[in-house]
Amino acid sequence: MLYVIYAEDIADSLEKRLSVRPAHLARLQLLHDEGRLLTAGPMRPLTVTNRAQQDSADQR
């Protein structure tokens, strides 16, 4: 079963995010090495009204 974990940043969180970043990246690497991570990182905003338009834009 696949999952998406989505989170939005909150005000004044930079210091906290930077303090846990090394552990976060190490965990992502472990998941990747185990074949349990498909993708990670910021999600691109959806700017089209349907999937066919998005697929066409992705092929450019």
PDB file of N, CA and C in Angstrom:
ATOM      1  N   MET A   1       0.843  -1.162   0.000  1.00  0.00           N
ATOM      2  CA  MET A   1       0.000   0.000   0.000  1.00  0.00           C
ATOM      3  C   MET A   1       0.899   1.239   0.000  1.00  0.00           C
ATOM      4  N   LEU A   2       0.545   2.199  -0.815  1.00  0.00           N
ATOM      5  CA  LEU A   2       1.310   3.441  -0.910  1.00  0.00           C
ATOM      6  C   LEU A   2       0.648   4.537  -0.084  1.00  0.00           C
ATOM      7  N   TYR A   3       1.462   5.428   0.449  1.00  0.00           N
ATOM      8  CA  TYR A   3       0.975   6.558   1.237  1.00  0.00           C
ATOM      9  C   TYR A   3       1.633   7.839   0.755  1.00  0.00           C
ATOM     10  N   VAL A   4       0.925   8.936   0.917  1.00  0.00           N
ATOM     11  CA  VAL A   4       1.483  10.269   0.704  1.00  0.00           C
ATOM     12  C   VAL A   4       1.444  10.975   2.050  1.00  0.00           C
ATOM     13  N   ILE A   5       2.558  11.542   2.423  1.00  0.00           N
ATOM     14  CA  ILE A   5       2.603  12.366   3.631  1.00  0.00           C
ATOM     15  C   ILE A   5       2.754  13.802   3.162  1.00  0.00           C
ATOM     16  N   TYR A   6       1.769  14.615   3.471  1.00  0.00           N
ATOM     17  CA  TYR A   6       1.730  15.999   3.011  1.00  0.00           C
ATOM     18  C   TYR A   6       1.709  16.903   4.231  1.00  0.00           C
ATOM     19  N   ALA A   7       2.574  17.881   4.242  1.00  0.00           N
ATOM     20  CA  ALA A   7       2.610  18.820   5.361  1.00  0.00           C
ATOM     21  C   ALA A   7       2.857  20.221   4.834  1.00  0.00           C
ATOM     22  N   GLU A   8       2.247  21.178   5.476  1.00  0.00           N
ATOM     23  CA  GLU A   8       2.485  22.578   5.140  1.00  0.00           C
ATOM     24  C   GLU A   8       3.341  23.198   6.239  1.00  0.00           C
ATOM     25  N   ASP A   9       4.214  24.083   5.824  1.00  0.00           N
ATOM     26  CA  ASP A   9       5.097  24.755   6.765  1.00  0.00           C
ATOM     27  C   ASP A   9       4.302  25.722   7.635  1.00  0.00           C
ATOM     28  N   ILE A  10       4.832  25.996   8.811  1.00  0.00           N
ATOM     29  CA  ILE A  10       4.214  26.981   9.689  1.00  0.00           C
ATOM     30  C   ILE A  10       5.204  28.112   9.940  1.00  0.00           C
ATOM     31  N   ALA A  11       4.699  29.201  10.423  1.00  0.00           N
ATOM     32  CA  ALA A  11       5.545  30.372  10.683  1.00  0.00           C
ATOM     33  C   ALA A  11       6.645  30.039  11.684  1.00  0.00           C
ATOM     34  N   ASP A  12       7.797  30.623  11.464  1.00  0.00           N
ATOM     35  CA  ASP A  12       8.932  30.504  12.385  1.00  0.00           C
ATOM     36  C   ASP A  12       9.395  29.062  12.603  1.00  0.00           C
ATOM     37  N   SER A  13       9.328  28.233  11.564  1.00  0.00           N
ATOM     38  CA  SER A  13       9.723  26.827  11.720  1.00  0.00           C
ATOM     39  C   SER A  13      11.106  26.523  11.150  1.00  0.00           C
ATOM     40  N   LEU A  14      11.767  27.500  10.561  1.00  0.00           N
ATOM     41  CA  LEU A  14      13.045  27.242   9.898  1.00  0.00           C
ATOM     42  C   LEU A  14      14.081  26.647  10.853  1.00  0.00           C
ATOM     43  N   GLU A  15      14.237  27.222  12.026  1.00  0.00           N
ATOM     44  CA  GLU A  15      15.241  26.725  12.975  1.00  0.00           C
ATOM     45  C   GLU A  15      14.979  25.261  13.336  1.00  0.00           C
ATOM     46  N   LYS A  16      13.735  24.924  13.607  1.00  0.00           N
ATOM     47  CA  LYS A  16      13.377  23.537  13.948  1.00  0.00           C
ATOM     48  C   LYS A  16      13.639  22.612  12.763  1.00  0.00           C
ATOM     49  N   ARG A  17      13.229  23.018  11.556  1.00  0.00           N
ATOM     50  CA  ARG A  17      13.442  22.176  10.374  1.00  0.00           C
ATOM     51  C   ARG A  17      14.923  21.928  10.135  1.00  0.00           C
ATOM     52  N   LEU A  18      15.740  22.970  10.283  1.00  0.00           N
ATOM     53  CA  LEU A  18      17.179  22.806  10.073  1.00  0.00           C
ATOM     54  C   LEU A  18      17.808  21.892  11.125  1.00  0.00           C
ATOM     55  N   SER A  19      17.291  21.933  12.346  1.00  0.00           N
ATOM     56  CA  SER A  19      17.870  21.108  13.416  1.00  0.00           C
ATOM     57  C   SER A  19      17.610  19.617  13.204  1.00  0.00           C
ATOM     58  N   VAL A  20      16.523  19.262  12.556  1.00  0.00           N
ATOM     59  CA  VAL A  20      16.200  17.844  12.343  1.00  0.00           C
ATOM     60  C   VAL A  20      16.505  17.374  10.919  1.00  0.00           C
ATOM     61  N   ARG A  21      16.977  18.271  10.077  1.00  0.00           N
ATOM     62  CA  ARG A  21      17.221  17.929   8.670  1.00  0.00           C
ATOM     63  C   ARG A  21      18.186  16.756   8.476  1.00  0.00           C
ATOM     64  N   PRO A  22      19.334  16.708   9.163  1.00  0.00           N
ATOM     65  CA  PRO A  22      20.235  15.563   8.947  1.00  0.00           C
ATOM     66  C   PRO A  22      19.563  14.211   9.236  1.00  0.00           C
ATOM     67  N   ALA A  23      18.817  14.120  10.327  1.00  0.00           N
ATOM     68  CA  ALA A  23      18.120  12.869  10.652  1.00  0.00           C
ATOM     69  C   ALA A  23      17.035  12.569   9.623  1.00  0.00           C
ATOM     70  N   HIS A  24      16.347  13.599   9.177  1.00  0.00           N
ATOM     71  CA  HIS A  24      15.300  13.450   8.165  1.00  0.00           C
ATOM     72  C   HIS A  24      15.892  12.897   6.867  1.00  0.00           C
ATOM     73  N   LEU A  25      16.988  13.480   6.414  1.00  0.00           N
ATOM     74  CA  LEU A  25      17.613  13.019   5.171  1.00  0.00           C
ATOM     75  C   LEU A  25      18.171  11.606   5.318  1.00  0.00           C
ATOM     76  N   ALA A  26      18.711  11.275   6.486  1.00  0.00           N
ATOM     77  CA  ALA A  26      19.213   9.919   6.720  1.00  0.00           C
ATOM     78  C   ALA A  26      18.076   8.907   6.649  1.00  0.00           C
ATOM     79  N   ARG A  27      16.939   9.253   7.212  1.00  0.00           N
ATOM     80  CA  ARG A  27      15.764   8.360   7.162  1.00  0.00           C
ATOM     81  C   ARG A  27      15.285   8.187   5.729  1.00  0.00           C
ATOM     82  N   LEU A  28      15.242   9.262   4.968  1.00  0.00           N
ATOM     83  CA  LEU A  28      14.841   9.158   3.564  1.00  0.00           C
ATOM     84  C   LEU A  28      15.801   8.267   2.788  1.00  0.00           C
ATOM     85  N   GLN A  29      17.094   8.386   3.055  1.00  0.00           N
ATOM     86  CA  GLN A  29      18.078   7.546   2.371  1.00  0.00           C
ATOM     87  C   GLN A  29      17.869   6.076   2.714  1.00  0.00           C
ATOM     88  N   LEU A  30      17.610   5.784   3.984  1.00  0.00           N
ATOM     89  CA  LEU A  30      17.349   4.410   4.404  1.00  0.00           C
ATOM     90  C   LEU A  30      16.120   3.850   3.692  1.00  0.00           C
ATOM     91  N   LEU A  31      15.046   4.614   3.664  1.00  0.00           N
ATOM     92  CA  LEU A  31      13.834   4.170   2.976  1.00  0.00           C
ATOM     93  C   LEU A  31      14.102   3.947   1.496  1.00  0.00           C
ATOM     94  N   HIS A  32      14.870   4.824   0.886  1.00  0.00           N
ATOM     95  CA  HIS A  32      15.227   4.674  -0.530  1.00  0.00           C
ATOM     96  C   HIS A  32      16.035   3.398  -0.739  1.00  0.00           C
ATOM     97  N   ASP A  33      17.034   3.174   0.105  1.00  0.00           N
ATOM     98  CA  ASP A  33      17.885   1.993  -0.012  1.00  0.00           C
ATOM     99  C   ASP A  33      17.091   0.700   0.151  1.00  0.00           C
ATOM    100  N   GLU A  34      16.045   0.734   0.962  1.00  0.00           N
ATOM    101  CA  GLU A  34      15.191  -0.434   1.178  1.00  0.00           C
ATOM    102  C   GLU A  34      14.133  -0.585   0.090  1.00  0.00           C
ATOM    103  N   GLY A  35      14.081   0.360  -0.853  1.00  0.00           N
ATOM    104  CA  GLY A  35      13.075   0.314  -1.905  1.00  0.00           C
ATOM    105  C   GLY A  35      11.687   0.693  -1.429  1.00  0.00           C
ATOM    106  N   ARG A  36      11.615   1.433  -0.338  1.00  0.00           N
ATOM    107  CA  ARG A  36      10.326   1.804   0.250  1.00  0.00           C
ATOM    108  C   ARG A  36       9.958   3.262   0.020  1.00  0.00           C
ATOM    109  N   LEU A  37      10.762   3.984  -0.745  1.00  0.00           N
ATOM    110  CA  LEU A  37      10.503   5.399  -1.005  1.00  0.00           C
ATOM    111  C   LEU A  37      10.422   5.604  -2.507  1.00  0.00           C
ATOM    112  N   LEU A  38       9.299   6.110  -2.970  1.00  0.00           N
ATOM    113  CA  LEU A  38       9.138   6.364  -4.398  1.00  0.00           C
ATOM    114  C   LEU A  38       9.613   7.748  -4.783  1.00  0.00           C
ATOM    115  N   THR A  39       9.298   8.730  -3.970  1.00  0.00           N
ATOM    116  CA  THR A  39       9.690  10.108  -4.255  1.00  0.00           C
ATOM    117  C   THR A  39       9.639  10.910  -2.961  1.00  0.00           C
ATOM    118  N   ALA A  40      10.342  12.012  -2.941  1.00  0.00           N
ATOM    119  CA  ALA A  40      10.321  12.892  -1.774  1.00  0.00           C
ATOM    120  C   ALA A  40      10.644  14.295  -2.241  1.00  0.00           C
ATOM    121  N   GLY A  41      10.165  15.259  -1.514  1.00  0.00           N
ATOM    122  CA  GLY A  41      10.464  16.643  -1.839  1.00  0.00           C
ATOM    123  C   GLY A  41       9.209  17.461  -2.018  1.00  0.00           C
ATOM    124  N   PRO A  42       9.387  18.713  -2.389  1.00  0.00           N
ATOM    125  CA  PRO A  42       8.227  19.589  -2.553  1.00  0.00           C
ATOM    126  C   PRO A  42       7.357  19.124  -3.704  1.00  0.00           C
ATOM    127  N   MET A  43       6.071  19.329  -3.564  1.00  0.00           N
ATOM    128  CA  MET A  43       5.126  18.970  -4.616  1.00  0.00           C
ATOM    129  C   MET A  43       4.855  20.189  -5.477  1.00  0.00           C
ATOM    130  N   ARG A  44       4.890  19.988  -6.773  1.00  0.00           N
ATOM    131  CA  ARG A  44       4.593  21.058  -7.715  1.00  0.00           C
ATOM    132  C   ARG A  44       3.116  21.427  -7.633  1.00  0.00           C
ATOM    133  N   PRO A  45       2.797  22.705  -7.644  1.00  0.00           N
ATOM    134  CA  PRO A  45       1.378  23.070  -7.622  1.00  0.00           C
ATOM    135  C   PRO A  45       0.695  22.637  -8.915  1.00  0.00           C
ATOM    136  N   LEU A  46      -0.510  22.166  -8.800  1.00  0.00           N
ATOM    137  CA  LEU A  46      -1.289  21.771  -9.963  1.00  0.00           C
ATOM    138  C   LEU A  46      -1.927  23.022 -10.554  1.00  0.00           C
ATOM    139  N   THR A  47      -1.538  23.350 -11.788  1.00  0.00           N
ATOM    140  CA  THR A  47      -2.006  24.595 -12.399  1.00  0.00           C
ATOM    141  C   THR A  47      -2.900  24.350 -13.601  1.00  0.00           C
ATOM    142  N   VAL A  48      -3.278  23.105 -13.833  1.00  0.00           N
ATOM    143  CA  VAL A  48      -4.154  22.791 -14.956  1.00  0.00           C
ATOM    144  C   VAL A  48      -5.463  22.241 -14.413  1.00  0.00           C
ATOM    145  N   THR A  49      -6.478  22.243 -15.261  1.00  0.00           N
ATOM    146  CA  THR A  49      -7.794  21.827 -14.795  1.00  0.00           C
ATOM    147  C   THR A  49      -8.071  20.348 -14.986  1.00  0.00           C
ATOM    148  N   ASN A  50      -7.239  19.651 -15.771  1.00  0.00           N
ATOM    149  CA  ASN A  50      -7.454  18.214 -15.896  1.00  0.00           C
ATOM    150  C   ASN A  50      -6.150  17.465 -16.103  1.00  0.00           C
ATOM    151  N   ARG A  51      -6.186  16.186 -15.865  1.00  0.00           N
ATOM    152  CA  ARG A  51      -4.978  15.353 -15.908  1.00  0.00           C
ATOM    153  C   ARG A  51      -4.370  15.288 -17.306  1.00  0.00           C
ATOM    154  N   ALA A  52      -5.180  15.283 -18.355  1.00  0.00           N
ATOM    155  CA  ALA A  52      -4.650  15.218 -19.719  1.00  0.00           C
ATOM    156  C   ALA A  52      -3.762  16.426 -19.996  1.00  0.00           C
ATOM    157  N   GLN A  53      -4.171  17.598 -19.541  1.00  0.00           N
ATOM    158  CA  GLN A  53      -3.346  18.788 -19.720  1.00  0.00           C
ATOM    159  C   GLN A  53      -2.041  18.649 -18.945  1.00  0.00           C
ATOM    160  N   GLN A  54      -2.094  18.104 -17.735  1.00  0.00           N
ATOM    161  CA  GLN A  54      -0.890  17.934 -16.931  1.00  0.00           C
ATOM    162  C   GLN A  54       0.069  16.962 -17.604  1.00  0.00           C
ATOM    163  N   ASP A  55      -0.444  15.841 -18.114  1.00  0.00           N
ATOM    164  CA  ASP A  55       0.410  14.866 -18.792  1.00  0.00           C
ATOM    165  C   ASP A  55       1.088  15.498 -19.996  1.00  0.00           C
ATOM    166  N   SER A  56       0.358  16.312 -20.734  1.00  0.00           N
ATOM    167  CA  SER A  56       0.919  16.987 -21.899  1.00  0.00           C
ATOM    168  C   SER A  56       2.023  17.955 -21.476  1.00  0.00           C
ATOM    169  N   ALA A  57       1.799  18.685 -20.404  1.00  0.00           N
ATOM    170  CA  ALA A  57       2.795  19.640 -19.910  1.00  0.00           C
ATOM    171  C   ALA A  57       4.038  18.909 -19.411  1.00  0.00           C
ATOM    172  N   ASP A  58       3.858  17.754 -18.782  1.00  0.00           N
ATOM    173  CA  ASP A  58       4.994  16.986 -18.264  1.00  0.00           C
ATOM    174  C   ASP A  58       5.881  16.448 -19.378  1.00  0.00           C
ATOM    175  N   GLN A  59       5.335  16.235 -20.561  1.00  0.00           N
ATOM    176  CA  GLN A  59       6.102  15.668 -21.669  1.00  0.00           C
ATOM    177  C   GLN A  59       6.963  16.709 -22.366  1.00  0.00           C
ATOM    178  N   ARG A  60       6.768  17.974 -22.063  1.00  0.00           N
ATOM    179  CA  ARG A  60       7.564  19.037 -22.698  1.00  0.00           C
ATOM    180  C   ARG A  60       8.930  19.138 -22.106  1.00  0.00           C
TER     181      ARG A  60
END
